[in-house]
Structure formats: structure tokens, C-alpha cells
PDB file of N, CA and C in Angstrom:
ATOM      1  N   MET A   1       1.430 -21.008  -0.185  1.00  0.00           N
ATOM      2  CA  MET A   1       0.595 -20.022  -0.843  1.00  0.00           C
ATOM      3  C   MET A   1       0.934 -18.637  -0.289  1.00  0.00           C
ATOM      4  N   THR A   2       0.870 -17.655  -1.147  1.00  0.00           N
ATOM      5  CA  THR A   2       1.063 -16.266  -0.754  1.00  0.00           C
ATOM      6  C   THR A   2      -0.191 -15.487  -1.122  1.00  0.00           C
ATOM      7  N   ASP A   3      -0.641 -14.635  -0.218  1.00  0.00           N
ATOM      8  CA  ASP A   3      -1.861 -13.864  -0.406  1.00  0.00           C
ATOM      9  C   ASP A   3      -1.495 -12.389  -0.554  1.00  0.00           C
ATOM     10  N   HIS A   4      -1.890 -11.768  -1.668  1.00  0.00           N
ATOM     11  CA  HIS A   4      -1.593 -10.361  -1.941  1.00  0.00           C
ATOM     12  C   HIS A   4      -2.894  -9.566  -2.040  1.00  0.00           C
ATOM     13  N   HIS A   5      -2.917  -8.386  -1.397  1.00  0.00           N
ATOM     14  CA  HIS A   5      -4.060  -7.481  -1.503  1.00  0.00           C
ATOM     15  C   HIS A   5      -3.543  -6.079  -1.787  1.00  0.00           C
ATOM     16  N   THR A   6      -4.282  -5.336  -2.587  1.00  0.00           N
ATOM     17  CA  THR A   6      -3.968  -3.940  -2.860  1.00  0.00           C
ATOM     18  C   THR A   6      -5.180  -3.102  -2.492  1.00  0.00           C
ATOM     19  N   TYR A   7      -4.940  -2.050  -1.735  1.00  0.00           N
ATOM     20  CA  TYR A   7      -5.960  -1.083  -1.333  1.00  0.00           C
ATOM     21  C   TYR A   7      -5.535   0.276  -1.850  1.00  0.00           C
ATOM     22  N   GLY A   8      -6.476   1.168  -2.032  1.00  0.00           N
ATOM     23  CA  GLY A   8      -6.143   2.509  -2.480  1.00  0.00           C
ATOM     24  C   GLY A   8      -7.064   3.549  -1.896  1.00  0.00           C
ATOM     25  N   THR A   9      -6.578   4.793  -1.950  1.00  0.00           N
ATOM     26  CA  THR A   9      -7.376   5.916  -1.469  1.00  0.00           C
ATOM     27  C   THR A   9      -7.104   7.149  -2.315  1.00  0.00           C
ATOM     28  N   SER A  10      -8.129   7.921  -2.508  1.00  0.00           N
ATOM     29  CA  SER A  10      -7.949   9.235  -3.111  1.00  0.00           C
ATOM     30  C   SER A  10      -8.162  10.307  -2.058  1.00  0.00           C
ATOM     31  N   SER A  11      -8.339   9.876  -0.802  1.00  0.00           N
ATOM     32  CA  SER A  11      -8.571  10.796   0.314  1.00  0.00           C
ATOM     33  C   SER A  11      -7.305  11.190   1.058  1.00  0.00           C
ATOM     34  N   HIS A  12      -6.251  10.384   0.950  1.00  0.00           N
ATOM     35  CA  HIS A  12      -5.034  10.607   1.732  1.00  0.00           C
ATOM     36  C   HIS A  12      -3.802  10.527   0.846  1.00  0.00           C
ATOM     37  N   THR A  13      -2.776  11.290   1.209  1.00  0.00           N
ATOM     38  CA  THR A  13      -1.475  11.139   0.567  1.00  0.00           C
ATOM     39  C   THR A  13      -0.791   9.911   1.154  1.00  0.00           C
ATOM     40  N   ALA A  14       0.297   9.485   0.549  1.00  0.00           N
ATOM     41  CA  ALA A  14       1.049   8.340   1.073  1.00  0.00           C
ATOM     42  C   ALA A  14       1.571   8.644   2.475  1.00  0.00           C
ATOM     43  N   ASP A  15       2.044   9.866   2.721  1.00  0.00           N
ATOM     44  CA  ASP A  15       2.544  10.236   4.044  1.00  0.00           C
ATOM     45  C   ASP A  15       1.442  10.159   5.099  1.00  0.00           C
ATOM     46  N   GLU A  16       0.256  10.649   4.759  1.00  0.00           N
ATOM     47  CA  GLU A  16      -0.869  10.567   5.693  1.00  0.00           C
ATOM     48  C   GLU A  16      -1.283   9.114   5.903  1.00  0.00           C
ATOM     49  N   LEU A  17      -1.333   8.370   4.812  1.00  0.00           N
ATOM     50  CA  LEU A  17      -1.791   6.991   4.879  1.00  0.00           C
ATOM     51  C   LEU A  17      -0.848   6.120   5.701  1.00  0.00           C
ATOM     52  N   VAL A  18       0.442   6.346   5.610  1.00  0.00           N
ATOM     53  CA  VAL A  18       1.371   5.522   6.390  1.00  0.00           C
ATOM     54  C   VAL A  18       1.151   5.744   7.887  1.00  0.00           C
ATOM     55  N   ARG A  19       0.847   6.966   8.295  1.00  0.00           N
ATOM     56  CA  ARG A  19       0.557   7.228   9.710  1.00  0.00           C
ATOM     57  C   ARG A  19      -0.743   6.546  10.133  1.00  0.00           C
ATOM     58  N   ILE A  20      -1.756   6.605   9.291  1.00  0.00           N
ATOM     59  CA  ILE A  20      -3.051   5.996   9.609  1.00  0.00           C
ATOM     60  C   ILE A  20      -2.913   4.477   9.701  1.00  0.00           C
ATOM     61  N   VAL A  21      -2.256   3.866   8.731  1.00  0.00           N
ATOM     62  CA  VAL A  21      -2.088   2.411   8.721  1.00  0.00           C
ATOM     63  C   VAL A  21      -1.210   1.970   9.885  1.00  0.00           C
ATOM     64  N   SER A  22      -0.175   2.739  10.174  1.00  0.00           N
ATOM     65  CA  SER A  22       0.714   2.427  11.297  1.00  0.00           C
ATOM     66  C   SER A  22      -0.069   2.390  12.602  1.00  0.00           C
ATOM     67  N   ASP A  23      -0.926   3.386  12.824  1.00  0.00           N
ATOM     68  CA  ASP A  23      -1.759   3.420  14.029  1.00  0.00           C
ATOM     69  C   ASP A  23      -2.759   2.267  14.049  1.00  0.00           C
ATOM     70  N   CYS A  24      -3.381   1.987  12.924  1.00  0.00           N
ATOM     71  CA  CYS A  24      -4.411   0.951  12.833  1.00  0.00           C
ATOM     72  C   CYS A  24      -3.826  -0.438  13.099  1.00  0.00           C
ATOM     73  N   LEU A  25      -2.646  -0.701  12.534  1.00  0.00           N
ATOM     74  CA  LEU A  25      -2.059  -2.037  12.635  1.00  0.00           C
ATOM     75  C   LEU A  25      -0.983  -2.142  13.713  1.00  0.00           C
ATOM     76  N   GLU A  26      -0.675  -1.013  14.348  1.00  0.00           N
ATOM     77  CA  GLU A  26       0.366  -0.968  15.374  1.00  0.00           C
ATOM     78  C   GLU A  26       1.683  -1.507  14.832  1.00  0.00           C
ATOM     79  N   LEU A  27       2.089  -0.980  13.668  1.00  0.00           N
ATOM     80  CA  LEU A  27       3.328  -1.366  13.006  1.00  0.00           C
ATOM     81  C   LEU A  27       4.206  -0.144  12.799  1.00  0.00           C
ATOM     82  N   ASP A  28       5.502  -0.374  12.738  1.00  0.00           N
ATOM     83  CA  ASP A  28       6.446   0.689  12.407  1.00  0.00           C
ATOM     84  C   ASP A  28       6.870   0.521  10.953  1.00  0.00           C
ATOM     85  N   PHE A  29       6.731   1.581  10.194  1.00  0.00           N
ATOM     86  CA  PHE A  29       7.127   1.570   8.790  1.00  0.00           C
ATOM     87  C   PHE A  29       8.481   2.249   8.636  1.00  0.00           C
ATOM     88  N   ALA A  30       9.302   1.682   7.769  1.00  0.00           N
ATOM     89  CA  ALA A  30      10.592   2.279   7.430  1.00  0.00           C
ATOM     90  C   ALA A  30      10.468   2.926   6.054  1.00  0.00           C
ATOM     91  N   GLU A  31      11.006   4.127   5.933  1.00  0.00           N
ATOM     92  CA  GLU A  31      10.977   4.829   4.653  1.00  0.00           C
ATOM     93  C   GLU A  31      12.078   4.286   3.757  1.00  0.00           C
ATOM     94  N   HIS A  32      11.738   4.041   2.499  1.00  0.00           N
ATOM     95  CA  HIS A  32      12.689   3.573   1.494  1.00  0.00           C
ATOM     96  C   HIS A  32      12.578   4.483   0.282  1.00  0.00           C
ATOM     97  N   GLU A  33      13.653   4.564  -0.456  1.00  0.00           N
ATOM     98  CA  GLU A  33      13.638   5.336  -1.700  1.00  0.00           C
ATOM     99  C   GLU A  33      14.291   4.510  -2.784  1.00  0.00           C
ATOM    100  N   SER A  34      13.630   4.451  -3.937  1.00  0.00           N
ATOM    101  CA  SER A  34      14.204   3.731  -5.065  1.00  0.00           C
ATOM    102  C   SER A  34      13.950   4.524  -6.338  1.00  0.00           C
ATOM    103  N   ASP A  35      14.749   4.251  -7.348  1.00  0.00           N
ATOM    104  CA  ASP A  35      14.568   4.921  -8.631  1.00  0.00           C
ATOM    105  C   ASP A  35      13.249   4.514  -9.272  1.00  0.00           C
ATOM    106  N   TYR A  36      12.832   3.286  -9.027  1.00  0.00           N
ATOM    107  CA  TYR A  36      11.613   2.785  -9.656  1.00  0.00           C
ATOM    108  C   TYR A  36      10.347   3.226  -8.924  1.00  0.00           C
ATOM    109  N   LEU A  37      10.349   3.132  -7.593  1.00  0.00           N
ATOM    110  CA  LEU A  37       9.132   3.421  -6.823  1.00  0.00           C
ATOM    111  C   LEU A  37       9.107   4.803  -6.197  1.00  0.00           C
ATOM    112  N   GLY A  38      10.231   5.475  -6.142  1.00  0.00           N
ATOM    113  CA  GLY A  38      10.298   6.738  -5.419  1.00  0.00           C
ATOM    114  C   GLY A  38      10.295   6.456  -3.927  1.00  0.00           C
ATOM    115  N   ILE A  39       9.765   7.371  -3.139  1.00  0.00           N
ATOM    116  CA  ILE A  39       9.699   7.173  -1.695  1.00  0.00           C
ATOM    117  C   ILE A  39       8.473   6.323  -1.367  1.00  0.00           C
ATOM    118  N   HIS A  40       8.706   5.240  -0.619  1.00  0.00           N
ATOM    119  CA  HIS A  40       7.637   4.346  -0.181  1.00  0.00           C
ATOM    120  C   HIS A  40       7.998   3.835   1.208  1.00  0.00           C
ATOM    121  N   TYR A  41       7.052   3.190   1.843  1.00  0.00           N
ATOM    122  CA  TYR A  41       7.205   2.774   3.237  1.00  0.00           C
ATOM    123  C   TYR A  41       6.933   1.277   3.350  1.00  0.00           C
ATOM    124  N   VAL A  42       7.738   0.593   4.173  1.00  0.00           N
ATOM    125  CA  VAL A  42       7.617  -0.855   4.306  1.00  0.00           C
ATOM    126  C   VAL A  42       7.610  -1.242   5.786  1.00  0.00           C
ATOM    127  N   ALA A  43       6.704  -2.136   6.133  1.00  0.00           N
ATOM    128  CA  ALA A  43       6.674  -2.763   7.465  1.00  0.00           C
ATOM    129  C   ALA A  43       6.691  -4.267   7.228  1.00  0.00           C
ATOM    130  N   LYS A  44       7.537  -4.964   7.990  1.00  0.00           N
ATOM    131  CA  LYS A  44       7.655  -6.408   7.831  1.00  0.00           C
ATOM    132  C   LYS A  44       7.402  -7.094   9.158  1.00  0.00           C
ATOM    133  N   GLY A  45       6.678  -8.190   9.084  1.00  0.00           N
ATOM    134  CA  GLY A  45       6.484  -9.059  10.230  1.00  0.00           C
ATOM    135  C   GLY A  45       6.948 -10.448   9.841  1.00  0.00           C
ATOM    136  N   PRO A  46       6.819 -11.401  10.722  1.00  0.00           N
ATOM    137  CA  PRO A  46       7.295 -12.743  10.398  1.00  0.00           C
ATOM    138  C   PRO A  46       6.568 -13.375   9.208  1.00  0.00           C
ATOM    139  N   ASP A  47       5.296 -13.080   9.051  1.00  0.00           N
ATOM    140  CA  ASP A  47       4.516 -13.678   7.963  1.00  0.00           C
ATOM    141  C   ASP A  47       3.823 -12.644   7.088  1.00  0.00           C
ATOM    142  N   GLU A  48       4.295 -11.379   7.153  1.00  0.00           N
ATOM    143  CA  GLU A  48       3.621 -10.337   6.375  1.00  0.00           C
ATOM    144  C   GLU A  48       4.594  -9.248   5.956  1.00  0.00           C
ATOM    145  N   ARG A  49       4.230  -8.613   4.861  1.00  0.00           N
ATOM    146  CA  ARG A  49       4.934  -7.420   4.380  1.00  0.00           C
ATOM    147  C   ARG A  49       3.848  -6.453   3.938  1.00  0.00           C
ATOM    148  N   ILE A  50       3.931  -5.217   4.432  1.00  0.00           N
ATOM    149  CA  ILE A  50       2.940  -4.203   4.094  1.00  0.00           C
ATOM    150  C   ILE A  50       3.682  -2.995   3.562  1.00  0.00           C
ATOM    151  N   GLU A  51       3.251  -2.521   2.409  1.00  0.00           N
ATOM    152  CA  GLU A  51       3.874  -1.360   1.778  1.00  0.00           C
ATOM    153  C   GLU A  51       2.832  -0.269   1.579  1.00  0.00           C
ATOM    154  N   VAL A  52       3.268   0.969   1.779  1.00  0.00           N
ATOM    155  CA  VAL A  52       2.437   2.133   1.483  1.00  0.00           C
ATOM    156  C   VAL A  52       3.244   2.978   0.511  1.00  0.00           C
ATOM    157  N   GLN A  53       2.609   3.380  -0.570  1.00  0.00           N
ATOM    158  CA  GLN A  53       3.322   4.185  -1.557  1.00  0.00           C
ATOM    159  C   GLN A  53       2.344   5.044  -2.353  1.00  0.00           C
ATOM    160  N   PRO A  54       2.867   6.113  -2.929  1.00  0.00           N
ATOM    161  CA  PRO A  54       2.017   6.910  -3.816  1.00  0.00           C
ATOM    162  C   PRO A  54       1.711   6.118  -5.085  1.00  0.00           C
ATOM    163  N   ASN A  55       0.591   6.389  -5.691  1.00  0.00           N
ATOM    164  CA  ASN A  55       0.284   5.770  -6.977  1.00  0.00           C
ATOM    165  C   ASN A  55       1.187   6.351  -8.062  1.00  0.00           C
ATOM    166  N   GLN A  56       1.525   7.626  -7.948  1.00  0.00           N
ATOM    167  CA  GLN A  56       2.441   8.242  -8.917  1.00  0.00           C
ATOM    168  C   GLN A  56       3.867   7.858  -8.567  1.00  0.00           C
ATOM    169  N   ILE A  57       4.569   7.282  -9.542  1.00  0.00           N
ATOM    170  CA  ILE A  57       5.959   6.909  -9.343  1.00  0.00           C
ATOM    171  C   ILE A  57       6.809   7.618 -10.385  1.00  0.00           C
ATOM    172  N   PRO A  58       8.099   7.828 -10.089  1.00  0.00           N
ATOM    173  CA  PRO A  58       8.957   8.543 -11.035  1.00  0.00           C
ATOM    174  C   PRO A  58       8.994   7.845 -12.389  1.00  0.00           C
ATOM    175  N   GLY A  59       8.809   8.635 -13.424  1.00  0.00           N
ATOM    176  CA  GLY A  59       8.862   8.102 -14.780  1.00  0.00           C
ATOM    177  C   GLY A  59      10.025   8.694 -15.553  1.00  0.00           C
ATOM    178  N   ASP A  60      10.123   8.328 -16.792  1.00  0.00           N
ATOM    179  CA  ASP A  60      11.172   8.849 -17.661  1.00  0.00           C
ATOM    180  C   ASP A  60      10.869  10.284 -18.060  1.00  0.00           C
ATOM    181  N   GLU A  61      11.934  11.028 -18.295  1.00  0.00           N
ATOM    182  CA  GLU A  61      11.831  12.406 -18.788  1.00  0.00           C
ATOM    183  C   GLU A  61      10.932  13.265 -17.913  1.00  0.00           C
ATOM    184  N   ASP A  62      11.058  13.121 -16.592  1.00  0.00           N
ATOM    185  CA  ASP A  62      10.333  13.931 -15.610  1.00  0.00           C
ATOM    186  C   ASP A  62       8.811  13.816 -15.703  1.00  0.00           C
ATOM    187  N   GLU A  63       8.319  12.746 -16.310  1.00  0.00           N
ATOM    188  CA  GLU A  63       6.877  12.514 -16.344  1.00  0.00           C
ATOM    189  C   GLU A  63       6.584  11.313 -15.456  1.00  0.00           C
ATOM    190  N   ASP A  64       5.693  11.510 -14.484  1.00  0.00           N
ATOM    191  CA  ASP A  64       5.372  10.434 -13.565  1.00  0.00           C
ATOM    192  C   ASP A  64       4.496   9.386 -14.233  1.00  0.00           C
ATOM    193  N   ASP A  65       4.676   8.150 -13.789  1.00  0.00           N
ATOM    194  CA  ASP A  65       3.841   7.036 -14.208  1.00  0.00           C
ATOM    195  C   ASP A  65       2.936   6.671 -13.037  1.00  0.00           C
ATOM    196  N   LEU A  66       1.935   5.857 -13.307  1.00  0.00           N
ATOM    197  CA  LEU A  66       1.069   5.362 -12.238  1.00  0.00           C
ATOM    198  C   LEU A  66       1.436   3.912 -11.950  1.00  0.00           C
ATOM    199  N   TYR A  67       1.591   3.588 -10.673  1.00  0.00           N
ATOM    200  CA  TYR A  67       1.844   2.207 -10.278  1.00  0.00           C
ATOM    201  C   TYR A  67       0.629   1.342 -10.615  1.00  0.00           C
ATOM    202  N   ALA A  68      -0.545   1.890 -10.374  1.00  0.00           N
ATOM    203  CA  ALA A  68      -1.802   1.194 -10.689  1.00  0.00           C
ATOM    204  C   ALA A  68      -2.550   2.026 -11.736  1.00  0.00           C
ATOM    205  N   PRO A  69      -2.145   1.930 -13.008  1.00  0.00           N
ATOM    206  CA  PRO A  69      -2.766   2.778 -14.043  1.00  0.00           C
ATOM    207  C   PRO A  69      -4.257   2.518 -14.232  1.00  0.00           C
ATOM    208  N   GLU A  70      -4.727   1.344 -13.804  1.00  0.00           N
ATOM    209  CA  GLU A  70      -6.153   1.038 -13.912  1.00  0.00           C
ATOM    210  C   GLU A  70      -6.977   1.822 -12.891  1.00  0.00           C
ATOM    211  N   HIS A  71      -6.289   2.517 -11.975  1.00  0.00           N
ATOM    212  CA  HIS A  71      -6.959   3.333 -10.953  1.00  0.00           C
ATOM    213  C   HIS A  71      -6.332   4.736 -10.936  1.00  0.00           C
ATOM    214  N   PRO A  72      -6.546   5.534 -11.973  1.00  0.00           N
ATOM    215  CA  PRO A  72      -5.862   6.825 -12.083  1.00  0.00           C
ATOM    216  C   PRO A  72      -6.254   7.853 -11.023  1.00  0.00           C
ATOM    217  N   THR A  73      -7.403   7.696 -10.379  1.00  0.00           N
ATOM    218  CA  THR A  73      -7.817   8.671  -9.362  1.00  0.00           C
ATOM    219  C   THR A  73      -7.275   8.341  -7.977  1.00  0.00           C
ATOM    220  N   ILE A  74      -6.688   7.166  -7.837  1.00  0.00           N
ATOM    221  CA  ILE A  74      -6.121   6.749  -6.545  1.00  0.00           C
ATOM    222  C   ILE A  74      -4.820   7.503  -6.306  1.00  0.00           C
ATOM    223  N   GLN A  75      -4.705   8.069  -5.132  1.00  0.00           N
ATOM    224  CA  GLN A  75      -3.548   8.876  -4.768  1.00  0.00           C
ATOM    225  C   GLN A  75      -2.465   8.065  -4.052  1.00  0.00           C
ATOM    226  N   ALA A  76      -2.871   7.102  -3.223  1.00  0.00           N
ATOM    227  CA  ALA A  76      -1.917   6.310  -2.456  1.00  0.00           C
ATOM    228  C   ALA A  76      -2.416   4.868  -2.351  1.00  0.00           C
ATOM    229  N   LEU A  77      -1.464   3.945  -2.222  1.00  0.00           N
ATOM    230  CA  LEU A  77      -1.758   2.517  -2.197  1.00  0.00           C
ATOM    231  C   LEU A  77      -1.225   1.863  -0.932  1.00  0.00           C
ATOM    232  N   VAL A  78      -1.922   0.827  -0.487  1.00  0.00           N
ATOM    233  CA  VAL A  78      -1.434  -0.073   0.555  1.00  0.00           C
ATOM    234  C   VAL A  78      -1.422  -1.455  -0.078  1.00  0.00           C
ATOM    235  N   MET A  79      -0.265  -2.116  -0.028  1.00  0.00           N
ATOM    236  CA  MET A  79      -0.140  -3.453  -0.587  1.00  0.00           C
ATOM    237  C   MET A  79       0.294  -4.409   0.514  1.00  0.00           C
ATOM    238  N   THR A  80      -0.437  -5.504   0.657  1.00  0.00           N
ATOM    239  CA  THR A  80      -0.114  -6.480   1.696  1.00  0.00           C
ATOM    240  C   THR A  80       0.267  -7.797   1.056  1.00  0.00           C
ATOM    241  N   THR A  81       1.225  -8.458   1.660  1.00  0.00           N
ATOM    242  CA  THR A  81       1.616  -9.812   1.281  1.00  0.00           C
ATOM    243  C   THR A  81       1.702 -10.623   2.561  1.00  0.00           C
ATOM    244  N   THR A  82       0.924 -11.698   2.618  1.00  0.00           N
ATOM    245  CA  THR A  82       0.940 -12.567   3.783  1.00  0.00           C
ATOM    246  C   THR A  82       1.143 -14.005   3.319  1.00  0.00           C
ATOM    247  N   ALA A  83       1.644 -14.837   4.229  1.00  0.00           N
ATOM    248  CA  ALA A  83       1.899 -16.237   3.903  1.00  0.00           C
ATOM    249  C   ALA A  83       0.603 -17.009   3.665  1.00  0.00           C
ATOM    250  N   ALA A  84      -0.463 -16.574   4.292  1.00  0.00           N
ATOM    251  CA  ALA A  84      -1.781 -17.197   4.161  1.00  0.00           C
ATOM    252  C   ALA A  84      -2.832 -16.091   4.273  1.00  0.00           C
ATOM    253  N   PRO A  85      -4.061 -16.348   3.832  1.00  0.00           N
ATOM    254  CA  PRO A  85      -5.102 -15.329   3.991  1.00  0.00           C
ATOM    255  C   PRO A  85      -5.200 -14.872   5.445  1.00  0.00           C
ATOM    256  N   ASP A  86      -5.350 -13.564   5.628  1.00  0.00           N
ATOM    257  CA  ASP A  86      -5.410 -12.986   6.974  1.00  0.00           C
ATOM    258  C   ASP A  86      -6.654 -12.110   7.086  1.00  0.00           C
ATOM    259  N   PRO A  87      -7.796 -12.694   7.460  1.00  0.00           N
ATOM    260  CA  PRO A  87      -9.042 -11.924   7.526  1.00  0.00           C
ATOM    261  C   PRO A  87      -8.997 -10.792   8.540  1.00  0.00           C
ATOM    262  N   THR A  88      -8.216 -10.943   9.609  1.00  0.00           N
ATOM    263  CA  THR A  88      -8.115  -9.874  10.608  1.00  0.00           C
ATOM    264  C   THR A  88      -7.431  -8.655  10.006  1.00  0.00           C
ATOM    265  N   LEU A  89      -6.345  -8.862   9.274  1.00  0.00           N
ATOM    266  CA  LEU A  89      -5.652  -7.764   8.610  1.00  0.00           C
ATOM    267  C   LEU A  89      -6.573  -7.087   7.613  1.00  0.00           C
ATOM    268  N   ARG A  90      -7.289  -7.873   6.835  1.00  0.00           N
ATOM    269  CA  ARG A  90      -8.208  -7.296   5.848  1.00  0.00           C
ATOM    270  C   ARG A  90      -9.303  -6.483   6.527  1.00  0.00           C
ATOM    271  N   ALA A  91      -9.837  -6.975   7.626  1.00  0.00           N
ATOM    272  CA  ALA A  91     -10.896  -6.256   8.348  1.00  0.00           C
ATOM    273  C   ALA A  91     -10.371  -4.945   8.921  1.00  0.00           C
ATOM    274  N   ARG A  92      -9.169  -4.973   9.463  1.00  0.00           N
ATOM    275  CA  ARG A  92      -8.608  -3.750  10.051  1.00  0.00           C
ATOM    276  C   ARG A  92      -8.332  -2.706   8.973  1.00  0.00           C
ATOM    277  N   LEU A  93      -7.802  -3.131   7.829  1.00  0.00           N
ATOM    278  CA  LEU A  93      -7.560  -2.169   6.750  1.00  0.00           C
ATOM    279  C   LEU A  93      -8.876  -1.664   6.168  1.00  0.00           C
ATOM    280  N   SER A  94      -9.876  -2.523   6.078  1.00  0.00           N
ATOM    281  CA  SER A  94     -11.184  -2.105   5.554  1.00  0.00           C
ATOM    282  C   SER A  94     -11.876  -1.103   6.466  1.00  0.00           C
ATOM    283  N   SER A  95     -11.456  -1.032   7.723  1.00  0.00           N
ATOM    284  CA  SER A  95     -12.059  -0.078   8.659  1.00  0.00           C
ATOM    285  C   SER A  95     -11.510   1.339   8.484  1.00  0.00           C
ATOM    286  N   ILE A  96     -10.463   1.502   7.693  1.00  0.00           N
ATOM    287  CA  ILE A  96      -9.877   2.835   7.474  1.00  0.00           C
ATOM    288  C   ILE A  96     -10.761   3.605   6.502  1.00  0.00           C
ATOM    289  N   GLU A  97     -11.232   4.740   6.952  1.00  0.00           N
ATOM    290  CA  GLU A  97     -12.118   5.563   6.131  1.00  0.00           C
ATOM    291  C   GLU A  97     -11.406   6.008   4.858  1.00  0.00           C
ATOM    292  N   GLY A  98     -12.065   5.803   3.729  1.00  0.00           N
ATOM    293  CA  GLY A  98     -11.527   6.227   2.442  1.00  0.00           C
ATOM    294  C   GLY A  98     -10.613   5.216   1.785  1.00  0.00           C
ATOM    295  N   LEU A  99     -10.308   4.104   2.453  1.00  0.00           N
ATOM    296  CA  LEU A  99      -9.437   3.077   1.884  1.00  0.00           C
ATOM    297  C   LEU A  99     -10.311   1.996   1.256  1.00  0.00           C
ATOM    298  N   THR A 100     -10.079   1.708  -0.018  1.00  0.00           N
ATOM    299  CA  THR A 100     -10.886   0.779  -0.784  1.00  0.00           C
ATOM    300  C   THR A 100     -10.061  -0.413  -1.235  1.00  0.00           C
ATOM    301  N   HIS A 101     -10.611  -1.597  -1.131  1.00  0.00           N
ATOM    302  CA  HIS A 101      -9.933  -2.800  -1.616  1.00  0.00           C
ATOM    303  C   HIS A 101      -9.991  -2.787  -3.136  1.00  0.00           C
ATOM    304  N   LEU A 102      -8.824  -2.908  -3.787  1.00  0.00           N
ATOM    305  CA  LEU A 102      -8.763  -2.818  -5.248  1.00  0.00           C
ATOM    306  C   LEU A 102      -8.488  -4.149  -5.931  1.00  0.00           C
ATOM    307  N   LYS A 103      -7.677  -5.007  -5.271  1.00  0.00           N
ATOM    308  CA  LYS A 103      -7.212  -6.204  -5.998  1.00  0.00           C
ATOM    309  C   LYS A 103      -6.801  -7.284  -5.000  1.00  0.00           C
ATOM    310  N   HIS A 104      -6.995  -8.537  -5.389  1.00  0.00           N
ATOM    311  CA  HIS A 104      -6.575  -9.684  -4.587  1.00  0.00           C
ATOM    312  C   HIS A 104      -5.979 -10.743  -5.503  1.00  0.00           C
ATOM    313  N   GLU A 105      -4.857 -11.318  -5.077  1.00  0.00           N
ATOM    314  CA  GLU A 105      -4.220 -12.425  -5.785  1.00  0.00           C
ATOM    315  C   GLU A 105      -3.707 -13.432  -4.765  1.00  0.00           C
ATOM    316  N   SER A 106      -3.887 -14.696  -5.059  1.00  0.00           N
ATOM    317  CA  SER A 106      -3.286 -15.757  -4.248  1.00  0.00           C
ATOM    318  C   SER A 106      -2.403 -16.577  -5.187  1.00  0.00           C
ATOM    319  N   LEU A 107      -1.172 -16.756  -4.768  1.00  0.00           N
ATOM    320  CA  LEU A 107      -0.236 -17.510  -5.601  1.00  0.00           C
ATOM    321  C   LEU A 107       0.266 -18.712  -4.856  1.00  0.00           C
TER     322      LEU A 107
END
């Protein structure tokens, strides 16, 4: 089983959020750039992957799209993928001021 969670904030930019999450979880994030996602940040552990990215992603014809269009006011996202549910990770992310849990999926 894989456990996915998405969090969002309208209080912080992706750059600010990556520093906050890095401090909270004591993880090092690597900056990545892609045509689809733009600049985003990834931290990987043995059983987890955590991404921080802006909600606005590069779109066609210089118009940005939203990664999470159902949340247009969200400025930045944190997405977690773990091998199994991780209540400690969820509690630590929920302690970040302005960060809201948006979505959960287990596959």
C-alpha cells in the first residue's frame, strides 16, 4: 500500500515553505526543474518522498496552470508519499502554521 497526502498554504511561497518543512522534518530538499512542474523541491527517505512546489505551474502560451485547480487560493503545496500511513509525519506537518491538509489517497 502507498499513502499519499497533499497539504497547501496560501500563507507561504514554495521557497519559504521548503525551508519551513525542511526545519520541521529535519530533511534536505533538492531543487529540481521540469517543463511540466517548473521549479520544485524533493526530499527522499527510504520509505518516503516529500515534494514542495508552487500551485502555479508553467502552462502553454505563457499562461500558468494550477497543479491543484480545486484549490485556486493555495500558493504552495506539500505532497507526501509513504509506504504505509505515517501519523508522526502527518502530525508534524499539521503543526506548521498556515499549512492545511487538502487530500488523502491510499493505493
